[in-house]
Amino acid sequence: MTPHLSFRLILGDAIALGPGKVRLLEAIRETGSISAAGRSMNMSYKRAWHLVDTMNRCFSSPLVEASKGGAHGGGAVLTPLADEVITLYRQLEARARQATESDLAQLSRYLKPAD
């Protein structure tokens, strides 16, 4: 088990963005559905919808636009802002990993070995 850092963007009491929410956005982009994206991550629709709702409330405009189901089913699409947010988050992760690599390696020497 290798230690790693993860990054969250906190806005007040809400986690506006983090690794799980970014993965959820990417899954929505792939599946076109909040429900299917949640299932692909072993998450209930209710949980997936709650995470989407939190993100939509934290940003200046929605990241996900959903259409209601019905005879032809519903769906969800990412907005252009969501695409930009994903790109910026992934860049932040990569830069942070590079910047902290040496310190994390040193810190890791003091961790207990995995069982």
PDB file of N, CA and C in Angstrom:
ATOM      1  N   MET A   1       0.856  -1.178   0.000  1.00  0.00           N
ATOM      2  CA  MET A   1       0.000   0.000   0.000  1.00  0.00           C
ATOM      3  C   MET A   1       0.899   1.237   0.000  1.00  0.00           C
ATOM      4  N   THR A   2       0.779   2.035  -1.034  1.00  0.00           N
ATOM      5  CA  THR A   2       1.587   3.236  -1.167  1.00  0.00           C
ATOM      6  C   THR A   2       0.782   4.447  -0.728  1.00  0.00           C
ATOM      7  N   PRO A   3       1.329   5.256   0.180  1.00  0.00           N
ATOM      8  CA  PRO A   3       0.593   6.456   0.592  1.00  0.00           C
ATOM      9  C   PRO A   3       0.497   7.447  -0.561  1.00  0.00           C
ATOM     10  N   HIS A   4      -0.560   8.216  -0.541  1.00  0.00           N
ATOM     11  CA  HIS A   4      -0.752   9.235  -1.574  1.00  0.00           C
ATOM     12  C   HIS A   4      -1.526  10.401  -0.961  1.00  0.00           C
ATOM     13  N   LEU A   5      -1.470  11.518  -1.613  1.00  0.00           N
ATOM     14  CA  LEU A   5      -2.228  12.689  -1.211  1.00  0.00           C
ATOM     15  C   LEU A   5      -3.454  12.800  -2.099  1.00  0.00           C
ATOM     16  N   SER A   6      -4.530  13.325  -1.535  1.00  0.00           N
ATOM     17  CA  SER A   6      -5.692  13.651  -2.362  1.00  0.00           C
ATOM     18  C   SER A   6      -6.097  15.073  -2.021  1.00  0.00           C
ATOM     19  N   PHE A   7      -6.741  15.718  -2.959  1.00  0.00           N
ATOM     20  CA  PHE A   7      -7.036  17.133  -2.814  1.00  0.00           C
ATOM     21  C   PHE A   7      -8.523  17.388  -2.888  1.00  0.00           C
ATOM     22  N   ARG A   8      -8.977  18.228  -1.975  1.00  0.00           N
ATOM     23  CA  ARG A   8     -10.375  18.640  -1.951  1.00  0.00           C
ATOM     24  C   ARG A   8     -10.438  20.158  -1.971  1.00  0.00           C
ATOM     25  N   LEU A   9     -11.408  20.647  -2.683  1.00  0.00           N
ATOM     26  CA  LEU A   9     -11.682  22.077  -2.723  1.00  0.00           C
ATOM     27  C   LEU A   9     -12.869  22.304  -1.784  1.00  0.00           C
ATOM     28  N   ILE A  10     -12.617  23.003  -0.688  1.00  0.00           N
ATOM     29  CA  ILE A  10     -13.630  23.228   0.336  1.00  0.00           C
ATOM     30  C   ILE A  10     -14.210  24.624   0.157  1.00  0.00           C
ATOM     31  N   LEU A  11     -15.530  24.714   0.210  1.00  0.00           N
ATOM     32  CA  LEU A  11     -16.220  25.999   0.126  1.00  0.00           C
ATOM     33  C   LEU A  11     -17.189  26.055   1.304  1.00  0.00           C
ATOM     34  N   GLY A  12     -16.819  26.820   2.335  1.00  0.00           N
ATOM     35  CA  GLY A  12     -17.639  26.847   3.543  1.00  0.00           C
ATOM     36  C   GLY A  12     -17.628  25.474   4.189  1.00  0.00           C
ATOM     37  N   ASP A  13     -18.800  24.903   4.398  1.00  0.00           N
ATOM     38  CA  ASP A  13     -18.925  23.569   4.987  1.00  0.00           C
ATOM     39  C   ASP A  13     -19.004  22.473   3.927  1.00  0.00           C
ATOM     40  N   ALA A  14     -18.996  22.839   2.673  1.00  0.00           N
ATOM     41  CA  ALA A  14     -19.186  21.871   1.592  1.00  0.00           C
ATOM     42  C   ALA A  14     -17.860  21.509   0.925  1.00  0.00           C
ATOM     43  N   ILE A  15     -17.765  20.263   0.525  1.00  0.00           N
ATOM     44  CA  ILE A  15     -16.654  19.846  -0.328  1.00  0.00           C
ATOM     45  C   ILE A  15     -17.123  20.082  -1.760  1.00  0.00           C
ATOM     46  N   ALA A  16     -16.630  21.152  -2.344  1.00  0.00           N
ATOM     47  CA  ALA A  16     -17.058  21.525  -3.695  1.00  0.00           C
ATOM     48  C   ALA A  16     -16.535  20.542  -4.732  1.00  0.00           C
ATOM     49  N   LEU A  17     -15.331  20.033  -4.504  1.00  0.00           N
ATOM     50  CA  LEU A  17     -14.708  19.154  -5.483  1.00  0.00           C
ATOM     51  C   LEU A  17     -13.653  18.312  -4.794  1.00  0.00           C
ATOM     52  N   GLY A  18     -13.535  17.090  -5.204  1.00  0.00           N
ATOM     53  CA  GLY A  18     -12.527  16.178  -4.686  1.00  0.00           C
ATOM     54  C   GLY A  18     -12.373  15.025  -5.650  1.00  0.00           C
ATOM     55  N   PRO A  19     -11.531  14.069  -5.321  1.00  0.00           N
ATOM     56  CA  PRO A  19     -11.264  12.982  -6.264  1.00  0.00           C
ATOM     57  C   PRO A  19     -12.508  12.167  -6.621  1.00  0.00           C
ATOM     58  N   GLY A  20     -13.364  11.885  -5.665  1.00  0.00           N
ATOM     59  CA  GLY A  20     -14.579  11.123  -5.957  1.00  0.00           C
ATOM     60  C   GLY A  20     -15.554  11.894  -6.826  1.00  0.00           C
ATOM     61  N   LYS A  21     -15.693  13.176  -6.566  1.00  0.00           N
ATOM     62  CA  LYS A  21     -16.609  13.985  -7.368  1.00  0.00           C
ATOM     63  C   LYS A  21     -16.099  14.141  -8.795  1.00  0.00           C
ATOM     64  N   VAL A  22     -14.797  14.268  -8.953  1.00  0.00           N
ATOM     65  CA  VAL A  22     -14.243  14.359 -10.300  1.00  0.00           C
ATOM     66  C   VAL A  22     -14.451  13.039 -11.036  1.00  0.00           C
ATOM     67  N   ARG A  23     -14.237  11.920 -10.345  1.00  0.00           N
ATOM     68  CA  ARG A  23     -14.494  10.615 -10.976  1.00  0.00           C
ATOM     69  C   ARG A  23     -15.961  10.486 -11.366  1.00  0.00           C
ATOM     70  N   LEU A  24     -16.864  10.994 -10.505  1.00  0.00           N
ATOM     71  CA  LEU A  24     -18.287  10.952 -10.824  1.00  0.00           C
ATOM     72  C   LEU A  24     -18.584  11.782 -12.072  1.00  0.00           C
ATOM     73  N   LEU A  25     -18.017  12.967 -12.158  1.00  0.00           N
ATOM     74  CA  LEU A  25     -18.214  13.788 -13.365  1.00  0.00           C
ATOM     75  C   LEU A  25     -17.720  13.047 -14.608  1.00  0.00           C
ATOM     76  N   GLU A  26     -16.559  12.431 -14.512  1.00  0.00           N
ATOM     77  CA  GLU A  26     -16.020  11.693 -15.657  1.00  0.00           C
ATOM     78  C   GLU A  26     -16.935  10.514 -16.028  1.00  0.00           C
ATOM     79  N   ALA A  27     -17.503   9.855 -15.016  1.00  0.00           N
ATOM     80  CA  ALA A  27     -18.418   8.740 -15.283  1.00  0.00           C
ATOM     81  C   ALA A  27     -19.720   9.232 -15.911  1.00  0.00           C
ATOM     82  N   ILE A  28     -20.202  10.398 -15.504  1.00  0.00           N
ATOM     83  CA  ILE A  28     -21.398  10.980 -16.119  1.00  0.00           C
ATOM     84  C   ILE A  28     -21.111  11.296 -17.586  1.00  0.00           C
ATOM     85  N   ARG A  29     -19.937  11.826 -17.861  1.00  0.00           N
ATOM     86  CA  ARG A  29     -19.556  12.120 -19.245  1.00  0.00           C
ATOM     87  C   ARG A  29     -19.550  10.833 -20.071  1.00  0.00           C
ATOM     88  N   GLU A  30     -19.051   9.746 -19.494  1.00  0.00           N
ATOM     89  CA  GLU A  30     -18.963   8.472 -20.222  1.00  0.00           C
ATOM     90  C   GLU A  30     -20.321   7.806 -20.412  1.00  0.00           C
ATOM     91  N   THR A  31     -21.191   7.895 -19.398  1.00  0.00           N
ATOM     92  CA  THR A  31     -22.450   7.146 -19.435  1.00  0.00           C
ATOM     93  C   THR A  31     -23.646   7.974 -19.872  1.00  0.00           C
ATOM     94  N   GLY A  32     -23.566   9.301 -19.718  1.00  0.00           N
ATOM     95  CA  GLY A  32     -24.702  10.157 -20.037  1.00  0.00           C
ATOM     96  C   GLY A  32     -25.823  10.054 -19.024  1.00  0.00           C
ATOM     97  N   SER A  33     -25.484   9.583 -17.811  1.00  0.00           N
ATOM     98  CA  SER A  33     -26.513   9.344 -16.811  1.00  0.00           C
ATOM     99  C   SER A  33     -25.924   9.422 -15.406  1.00  0.00           C
ATOM    100  N   ILE A  34     -26.612  10.134 -14.518  1.00  0.00           N
ATOM    101  CA  ILE A  34     -26.182  10.174 -13.120  1.00  0.00           C
ATOM    102  C   ILE A  34     -26.339   8.799 -12.494  1.00  0.00           C
ATOM    103  N   SER A  35     -27.449   8.146 -12.775  1.00  0.00           N
ATOM    104  CA  SER A  35     -27.721   6.825 -12.231  1.00  0.00           C
ATOM    105  C   SER A  35     -26.670   5.806 -12.677  1.00  0.00           C
ATOM    106  N   ALA A  36     -26.399   5.752 -13.971  1.00  0.00           N
ATOM    107  CA  ALA A  36     -25.405   4.804 -14.492  1.00  0.00           C
ATOM    108  C   ALA A  36     -24.010   5.127 -13.974  1.00  0.00           C
ATOM    109  N   ALA A  37     -23.698   6.408 -13.868  1.00  0.00           N
ATOM    110  CA  ALA A  37     -22.395   6.809 -13.339  1.00  0.00           C
ATOM    111  C   ALA A  37     -22.257   6.351 -11.892  1.00  0.00           C
ATOM    112  N   GLY A  38     -23.304   6.560 -11.108  1.00  0.00           N
ATOM    113  CA  GLY A  38     -23.284   6.106  -9.717  1.00  0.00           C
ATOM    114  C   GLY A  38     -23.109   4.600  -9.630  1.00  0.00           C
ATOM    115  N   ARG A  39     -23.863   3.862 -10.432  1.00  0.00           N
ATOM    116  CA  ARG A  39     -23.747   2.400 -10.430  1.00  0.00           C
ATOM    117  C   ARG A  39     -22.329   1.960 -10.777  1.00  0.00           C
ATOM    118  N   SER A  40     -21.704   2.647 -11.728  1.00  0.00           N
ATOM    119  CA  SER A  40     -20.340   2.272 -12.127  1.00  0.00           C
ATOM    120  C   SER A  40     -19.340   2.486 -10.998  1.00  0.00           C
ATOM    121  N   MET A  41     -19.730   3.297 -10.017  1.00  0.00           N
ATOM    122  CA  MET A  41     -18.869   3.570  -8.870  1.00  0.00           C
ATOM    123  C   MET A  41     -19.401   2.894  -7.607  1.00  0.00           C
ATOM    124  N   ASN A  42     -20.333   1.955  -7.766  1.00  0.00           N
ATOM    125  CA  ASN A  42     -20.957   1.257  -6.629  1.00  0.00           C
ATOM    126  C   ASN A  42     -21.583   2.235  -5.644  1.00  0.00           C
ATOM    127  N   MET A  43     -22.306   3.194  -6.173  1.00  0.00           N
ATOM    128  CA  MET A  43     -22.923   4.249  -5.384  1.00  0.00           C
ATOM    129  C   MET A  43     -24.404   4.312  -5.747  1.00  0.00           C
ATOM    130  N   SER A  44     -25.230   4.600  -4.765  1.00  0.00           N
ATOM    131  CA  SER A  44     -26.659   4.715  -5.028  1.00  0.00           C
ATOM    132  C   SER A  44     -26.945   5.963  -5.854  1.00  0.00           C
ATOM    133  N   TYR A  45     -28.092   5.946  -6.528  1.00  0.00           N
ATOM    134  CA  TYR A  45     -28.515   7.134  -7.282  1.00  0.00           C
ATOM    135  C   TYR A  45     -28.651   8.322  -6.339  1.00  0.00           C
ATOM    136  N   LYS A  46     -29.209   8.077  -5.162  1.00  0.00           N
ATOM    137  CA  LYS A  46     -29.407   9.161  -4.193  1.00  0.00           C
ATOM    138  C   LYS A  46     -28.069   9.804  -3.822  1.00  0.00           C
ATOM    139  N   ARG A  47     -27.060   8.994  -3.581  1.00  0.00           N
ATOM    140  CA  ARG A  47     -25.739   9.519  -3.226  1.00  0.00           C
ATOM    141  C   ARG A  47     -25.138  10.280  -4.410  1.00  0.00           C
ATOM    142  N   ALA A  48     -25.227   9.698  -5.599  1.00  0.00           N
ATOM    143  CA  ALA A  48     -24.678  10.362  -6.785  1.00  0.00           C
ATOM    144  C   ALA A  48     -25.375  11.702  -7.019  1.00  0.00           C
ATOM    145  N   TRP A  49     -26.700  11.713  -6.897  1.00  0.00           N
ATOM    146  CA  TRP A  49     -27.446  12.954  -7.100  1.00  0.00           C
ATOM    147  C   TRP A  49     -27.065  13.991  -6.052  1.00  0.00           C
ATOM    148  N   HIS A  50     -26.870  13.568  -4.808  1.00  0.00           N
ATOM    149  CA  HIS A  50     -26.468  14.497  -3.744  1.00  0.00           C
ATOM    150  C   HIS A  50     -25.111  15.130  -4.076  1.00  0.00           C
ATOM    151  N   LEU A  51     -24.158  14.327  -4.554  1.00  0.00           N
ATOM    152  CA  LEU A  51     -22.840  14.865  -4.904  1.00  0.00           C
ATOM    153  C   LEU A  51     -22.937  15.850  -6.063  1.00  0.00           C
ATOM    154  N   VAL A  52     -23.740  15.512  -7.067  1.00  0.00           N
ATOM    155  CA  VAL A  52     -23.948  16.419  -8.206  1.00  0.00           C
ATOM    156  C   VAL A  52     -24.594  17.714  -7.727  1.00  0.00           C
ATOM    157  N   ASP A  53     -25.601  17.597  -6.889  1.00  0.00           N
ATOM    158  CA  ASP A  53     -26.285  18.786  -6.370  1.00  0.00           C
ATOM    159  C   ASP A  53     -25.323  19.685  -5.599  1.00  0.00           C
ATOM    160  N   THR A  54     -24.468  19.088  -4.774  1.00  0.00           N
ATOM    161  CA  THR A  54     -23.479  19.877  -4.030  1.00  0.00           C
ATOM    162  C   THR A  54     -22.551  20.620  -4.983  1.00  0.00           C
ATOM    163  N   MET A  55     -22.048  19.912  -5.997  1.00  0.00           N
ATOM    164  CA  MET A  55     -21.154  20.570  -6.960  1.00  0.00           C
ATOM    165  C   MET A  55     -21.887  21.697  -7.685  1.00  0.00           C
ATOM    166  N   ASN A  56     -23.105  21.432  -8.133  1.00  0.00           N
ATOM    167  CA  ASN A  56     -23.861  22.450  -8.861  1.00  0.00           C
ATOM    168  C   ASN A  56     -24.099  23.693  -8.008  1.00  0.00           C
ATOM    169  N   ARG A  57     -24.296  23.510  -6.705  1.00  0.00           N
ATOM    170  CA  ARG A  57     -24.527  24.654  -5.821  1.00  0.00           C
ATOM    171  C   ARG A  57     -23.240  25.414  -5.505  1.00  0.00           C
ATOM    172  N   CYS A  58     -22.102  24.739  -5.555  1.00  0.00           N
ATOM    173  CA  CYS A  58     -20.836  25.370  -5.175  1.00  0.00           C
ATOM    174  C   CYS A  58     -20.186  26.186  -6.304  1.00  0.00           C
ATOM    175  N   PHE A  59     -20.535  25.892  -7.536  1.00  0.00           N
ATOM    176  CA  PHE A  59     -19.913  26.600  -8.652  1.00  0.00           C
ATOM    177  C   PHE A  59     -20.834  27.689  -9.188  1.00  0.00           C
ATOM    178  N   SER A  60     -20.245  28.615  -9.925  1.00  0.00           N
ATOM    179  CA  SER A  60     -20.990  29.784 -10.410  1.00  0.00           C
ATOM    180  C   SER A  60     -22.119  29.415 -11.359  1.00  0.00           C
ATOM    181  N   SER A  61     -21.997  28.273 -12.002  1.00  0.00           N
ATOM    182  CA  SER A  61     -23.069  27.734 -12.829  1.00  0.00           C
ATOM    183  C   SER A  61     -22.969  26.214 -12.743  1.00  0.00           C
ATOM    184  N   PRO A  62     -24.034  25.505 -13.079  1.00  0.00           N
ATOM    185  CA  PRO A  62     -24.043  24.051 -12.905  1.00  0.00           C
ATOM    186  C   PRO A  62     -22.939  23.345 -13.703  1.00  0.00           C
ATOM    187  N   LEU A  63     -22.469  22.234 -13.128  1.00  0.00           N
ATOM    188  CA  LEU A  63     -21.504  21.383 -13.817  1.00  0.00           C
ATOM    189  C   LEU A  63     -22.219  20.269 -14.574  1.00  0.00           C
ATOM    190  N   VAL A  64     -23.405  19.900 -14.078  1.00  0.00           N
ATOM    191  CA  VAL A  64     -24.179  18.815 -14.681  1.00  0.00           C
ATOM    192  C   VAL A  64     -25.587  19.317 -14.947  1.00  0.00           C
ATOM    193  N   GLU A  65     -26.075  19.043 -16.141  1.00  0.00           N
ATOM    194  CA  GLU A  65     -27.466  19.340 -16.485  1.00  0.00           C
ATOM    195  C   GLU A  65     -28.172  18.014 -16.710  1.00  0.00           C
ATOM    196  N   ALA A  66     -29.238  17.801 -15.938  1.00  0.00           N
ATOM    197  CA  ALA A  66     -29.973  16.535 -16.017  1.00  0.00           C
ATOM    198  C   ALA A  66     -31.344  16.782 -16.617  1.00  0.00           C
ATOM    199  N   SER A  67     -31.810  15.783 -17.361  1.00  0.00           N
ATOM    200  CA  SER A  67     -33.185  15.824 -17.861  1.00  0.00           C
ATOM    201  C   SER A  67     -33.942  14.685 -17.201  1.00  0.00           C
ATOM    202  N   LYS A  68     -35.214  14.941 -16.875  1.00  0.00           N
ATOM    203  CA  LYS A  68     -36.018  13.949 -16.173  1.00  0.00           C
ATOM    204  C   LYS A  68     -36.295  12.756 -17.059  1.00  0.00           C
ATOM    205  N   GLY A  69     -36.496  11.632 -16.394  1.00  0.00           N
ATOM    206  CA  GLY A  69     -36.834  10.393 -17.096  1.00  0.00           C
ATOM    207  C   GLY A  69     -38.241  10.463 -17.651  1.00  0.00           C
ATOM    208  N   GLY A  70     -38.702   9.376 -18.114  1.00  0.00           N
ATOM    209  CA  GLY A  70     -40.030   9.313 -18.717  1.00  0.00           C
ATOM    210  C   GLY A  70     -40.052   8.149 -19.675  1.00  0.00           C
ATOM    211  N   ALA A  71     -40.923   8.222 -20.648  1.00  0.00           N
ATOM    212  CA  ALA A  71     -41.062   7.134 -21.607  1.00  0.00           C
ATOM    213  C   ALA A  71     -39.745   6.851 -22.335  1.00  0.00           C
ATOM    214  N   HIS A  72     -38.976   7.895 -22.589  1.00  0.00           N
ATOM    215  CA  HIS A  72     -37.721   7.723 -23.317  1.00  0.00           C
ATOM    216  C   HIS A  72     -36.507   7.807 -22.401  1.00  0.00           C
ATOM    217  N   GLY A  73     -36.726   7.858 -21.108  1.00  0.00           N
ATOM    218  CA  GLY A  73     -35.626   7.929 -20.156  1.00  0.00           C
ATOM    219  C   GLY A  73     -35.045   9.322 -20.062  1.00  0.00           C
ATOM    220  N   GLY A  74     -34.298   9.538 -19.010  1.00  0.00           N
ATOM    221  CA  GLY A  74     -33.666  10.839 -18.804  1.00  0.00           C
ATOM    222  C   GLY A  74     -32.213  10.770 -19.220  1.00  0.00           C
ATOM    223  N   GLY A  75     -31.457  11.660 -18.689  1.00  0.00           N
ATOM    224  CA  GLY A  75     -30.040  11.666 -18.996  1.00  0.00           C
ATOM    225  C   GLY A  75     -29.365  12.838 -18.326  1.00  0.00           C
ATOM    226  N   ALA A  76     -28.079  12.908 -18.480  1.00  0.00           N
ATOM    227  CA  ALA A  76     -27.303  13.996 -17.889  1.00  0.00           C
ATOM    228  C   ALA A  76     -26.115  14.288 -18.788  1.00  0.00           C
ATOM    229  N   VAL A  77     -25.776  15.552 -18.873  1.00  0.00           N
ATOM    230  CA  VAL A  77     -24.600  15.973 -19.639  1.00  0.00           C
ATOM    231  C   VAL A  77     -23.789  16.945 -18.802  1.00  0.00           C
ATOM    232  N   LEU A  78     -22.485  16.935 -19.049  1.00  0.00           N
ATOM    233  CA  LEU A  78     -21.615  17.908 -18.404  1.00  0.00           C
ATOM    234  C   LEU A  78     -21.673  19.214 -19.167  1.00  0.00           C
ATOM    235  N   THR A  79     -21.596  20.293 -18.445  1.00  0.00           N
ATOM    236  CA  THR A  79     -21.527  21.606 -19.070  1.00  0.00           C
ATOM    237  C   THR A  79     -20.071  21.890 -19.459  1.00  0.00           C
ATOM    238  N   PRO A  80     -19.849  22.879 -20.305  1.00  0.00           N
ATOM    239  CA  PRO A  80     -18.467  23.252 -20.628  1.00  0.00           C
ATOM    240  C   PRO A  80     -17.657  23.610 -19.372  1.00  0.00           C
ATOM    241  N   LEU A  81     -18.322  24.202 -18.380  1.00  0.00           N
ATOM    242  CA  LEU A  81     -17.614  24.523 -17.135  1.00  0.00           C
ATOM    243  C   LEU A  81     -17.108  23.247 -16.470  1.00  0.00           C
ATOM    244  N   ALA A  82     -17.903  22.194 -16.481  1.00  0.00           N
ATOM    245  CA  ALA A  82     -17.472  20.929 -15.878  1.00  0.00           C
ATOM    246  C   ALA A  82     -16.221  20.397 -16.557  1.00  0.00           C
ATOM    247  N   ASP A  83     -16.183  20.469 -17.883  1.00  0.00           N
ATOM    248  CA  ASP A  83     -14.992  20.009 -18.607  1.00  0.00           C
ATOM    249  C   ASP A  83     -13.756  20.805 -18.181  1.00  0.00           C
ATOM    250  N   GLU A  84     -13.930  22.103 -18.031  1.00  0.00           N
ATOM    251  CA  GLU A  84     -12.811  22.952 -17.601  1.00  0.00           C
ATOM    252  C   GLU A  84     -12.401  22.635 -16.166  1.00  0.00           C
ATOM    253  N   VAL A  85     -13.380  22.427 -15.296  1.00  0.00           N
ATOM    254  CA  VAL A  85     -13.107  22.106 -13.885  1.00  0.00           C
ATOM    255  C   VAL A  85     -12.342  20.783 -13.781  1.00  0.00           C
ATOM    256  N   ILE A  86     -12.753  19.771 -14.542  1.00  0.00           N
ATOM    257  CA  ILE A  86     -12.051  18.487 -14.523  1.00  0.00           C
ATOM    258  C   ILE A  86     -10.606  18.666 -14.959  1.00  0.00           C
ATOM    259  N   THR A  87     -10.399  19.387 -16.040  1.00  0.00           N
ATOM    260  CA  THR A  87      -9.042  19.619 -16.547  1.00  0.00           C
ATOM    261  C   THR A  87      -8.187  20.335 -15.509  1.00  0.00           C
ATOM    262  N   LEU A  88      -8.723  21.385 -14.905  1.00  0.00           N
ATOM    263  CA  LEU A  88      -7.967  22.137 -13.904  1.00  0.00           C
ATOM    264  C   LEU A  88      -7.662  21.283 -12.675  1.00  0.00           C
ATOM    265  N   TYR A  89      -8.618  20.486 -12.242  1.00  0.00           N
ATOM    266  CA  TYR A  89      -8.403  19.620 -11.085  1.00  0.00           C
ATOM    267  C   TYR A  89      -7.307  18.594 -11.381  1.00  0.00           C
ATOM    268  N   ARG A  90      -7.349  17.973 -12.545  1.00  0.00           N
ATOM    269  CA  ARG A  90      -6.335  16.977 -12.912  1.00  0.00           C
ATOM    270  C   ARG A  90      -4.954  17.627 -13.020  1.00  0.00           C
ATOM    271  N   GLN A  91      -4.890  18.872 -13.505  1.00  0.00           N
ATOM    272  CA  GLN A  91      -3.611  19.594 -13.561  1.00  0.00           C
ATOM    273  C   GLN A  91      -3.109  19.878 -12.151  1.00  0.00           C
ATOM    274  N   LEU A  92      -3.991  20.280 -11.266  1.00  0.00           N
ATOM    275  CA  LEU A  92      -3.632  20.534  -9.868  1.00  0.00           C
ATOM    276  C   LEU A  92      -3.065  19.268  -9.241  1.00  0.00           C
ATOM    277  N   GLU A  93      -3.737  18.148  -9.454  1.00  0.00           N
ATOM    278  CA  GLU A  93      -3.243  16.873  -8.911  1.00  0.00           C
ATOM    279  C   GLU A  93      -1.827  16.574  -9.406  1.00  0.00           C
ATOM    280  N   ALA A  94      -1.611  16.703 -10.692  1.00  0.00           N
ATOM    281  CA  ALA A  94      -0.306  16.376 -11.271  1.00  0.00           C
ATOM    282  C   ALA A  94       0.786  17.299 -10.726  1.00  0.00           C
ATOM    283  N   ARG A  95       0.507  18.579 -10.671  1.00  0.00           N
ATOM    284  CA  ARG A  95       1.508  19.538 -10.160  1.00  0.00           C
ATOM    285  C   ARG A  95       1.780  19.310  -8.685  1.00  0.00           C
ATOM    286  N   ALA A  96       0.748  19.045  -7.925  1.00  0.00           N
ATOM    287  CA  ALA A  96       0.917  18.809  -6.489  1.00  0.00           C
ATOM    288  C   ALA A  96       1.712  17.530  -6.239  1.00  0.00           C
ATOM    289  N   ARG A  97       1.431  16.495  -7.040  1.00  0.00           N
ATOM    290  CA  ARG A  97       2.179  15.239  -6.901  1.00  0.00           C
ATOM    291  C   ARG A  97       3.667  15.482  -7.141  1.00  0.00           C
ATOM    292  N   GLN A  98       3.973  16.231  -8.189  1.00  0.00           N
ATOM    293  CA  GLN A  98       5.382  16.541  -8.489  1.00  0.00           C
ATOM    294  C   GLN A  98       6.012  17.358  -7.370  1.00  0.00           C
ATOM    295  N   ALA A  99       5.298  18.351  -6.875  1.00  0.00           N
ATOM    296  CA  ALA A  99       5.848  19.254  -5.861  1.00  0.00           C
ATOM    297  C   ALA A  99       6.060  18.561  -4.516  1.00  0.00           C
ATOM    298  N   THR A 100       5.279  17.532  -4.236  1.00  0.00           N
ATOM    299  CA  THR A 100       5.355  16.887  -2.920  1.00  0.00           C
ATOM    300  C   THR A 100       6.026  15.523  -2.942  1.00  0.00           C
ATOM    301  N   GLU A 101       6.455  15.075  -4.108  1.00  0.00           N
ATOM    302  CA  GLU A 101       6.996  13.722  -4.265  1.00  0.00           C
ATOM    303  C   GLU A 101       8.130  13.423  -3.279  1.00  0.00           C
ATOM    304  N   SER A 102       9.105  14.293  -3.185  1.00  0.00           N
ATOM    305  CA  SER A 102      10.262  14.074  -2.323  1.00  0.00           C
ATOM    306  C   SER A 102       9.851  14.056  -0.846  1.00  0.00           C
ATOM    307  N   ASP A 103       9.064  15.037  -0.437  1.00  0.00           N
ATOM    308  CA  ASP A 103       8.632  15.096   0.962  1.00  0.00           C
ATOM    309  C   ASP A 103       7.776  13.892   1.339  1.00  0.00           C
ATOM    310  N   LEU A 104       6.905  13.482   0.434  1.00  0.00           N
ATOM    311  CA  LEU A 104       6.055  12.330   0.704  1.00  0.00           C
ATOM    312  C   LEU A 104       6.893  11.061   0.837  1.00  0.00           C
ATOM    313  N   ALA A 105       7.910  10.922   0.016  1.00  0.00           N
ATOM    314  CA  ALA A 105       8.791   9.757   0.099  1.00  0.00           C
ATOM    315  C   ALA A 105       9.505   9.731   1.451  1.00  0.00           C
ATOM    316  N   GLN A 106       9.962  10.876   1.900  1.00  0.00           N
ATOM    317  CA  GLN A 106      10.630  10.945   3.205  1.00  0.00           C
ATOM    318  C   GLN A 106       9.651  10.635   4.329  1.00  0.00           C
ATOM    319  N   LEU A 107       8.473  11.213   4.267  1.00  0.00           N
ATOM    320  CA  LEU A 107       7.457  10.983   5.288  1.00  0.00           C
ATOM    321  C   LEU A 107       7.034   9.516   5.320  1.00  0.00           C
ATOM    322  N   SER A 108       6.974   8.895   4.172  1.00  0.00           N
ATOM    323  CA  SER A 108       6.552   7.509   4.068  1.00  0.00           C
ATOM    324  C   SER A 108       7.468   6.552   4.819  1.00  0.00           C
ATOM    325  N   ARG A 109       8.732   6.928   4.977  1.00  0.00           N
ATOM    326  CA  ARG A 109       9.670   6.069   5.704  1.00  0.00           C
ATOM    327  C   ARG A 109       9.224   5.861   7.143  1.00  0.00           C
ATOM    328  N   TYR A 110       8.420   6.757   7.677  1.00  0.00           N
ATOM    329  CA  TYR A 110       8.005   6.690   9.080  1.00  0.00           C
ATOM    330  C   TYR A 110       6.667   5.987   9.271  1.00  0.00           C
ATOM    331  N   LEU A 111       6.047   5.587   8.180  1.00  0.00           N
ATOM    332  CA  LEU A 111       4.757   4.911   8.272  1.00  0.00           C
ATOM    333  C   LEU A 111       4.937   3.433   8.574  1.00  0.00           C
ATOM    334  N   LYS A 112       3.975   2.851   9.242  1.00  0.00           N
ATOM    335  CA  LYS A 112       3.993   1.411   9.505  1.00  0.00           C
ATOM    336  C   LYS A 112       3.815   0.672   8.192  1.00  0.00           C
ATOM    337  N   PRO A 113       4.473  -0.475   8.062  1.00  0.00           N
ATOM    338  CA  PRO A 113       4.248  -1.287   6.848  1.00  0.00           C
ATOM    339  C   PRO A 113       2.810  -1.800   6.818  1.00  0.00           C
ATOM    340  N   ALA A 114       2.283  -1.996   5.621  1.00  0.00           N
ATOM    341  CA  ALA A 114       0.933  -2.519   5.474  1.00  0.00           C
ATOM    342  C   ALA A 114       0.878  -3.946   5.965  1.00  0.00           C
ATOM    343  N   ASP A 115      -0.224  -4.311   6.567  1.00  0.00           N
ATOM    344  CA  ASP A 115      -0.403  -5.686   7.071  1.00  0.00           C
ATOM    345  C   ASP A 115      -0.695  -6.651   5.971  1.00  0.00           C
TER     346      ASP A 115
END
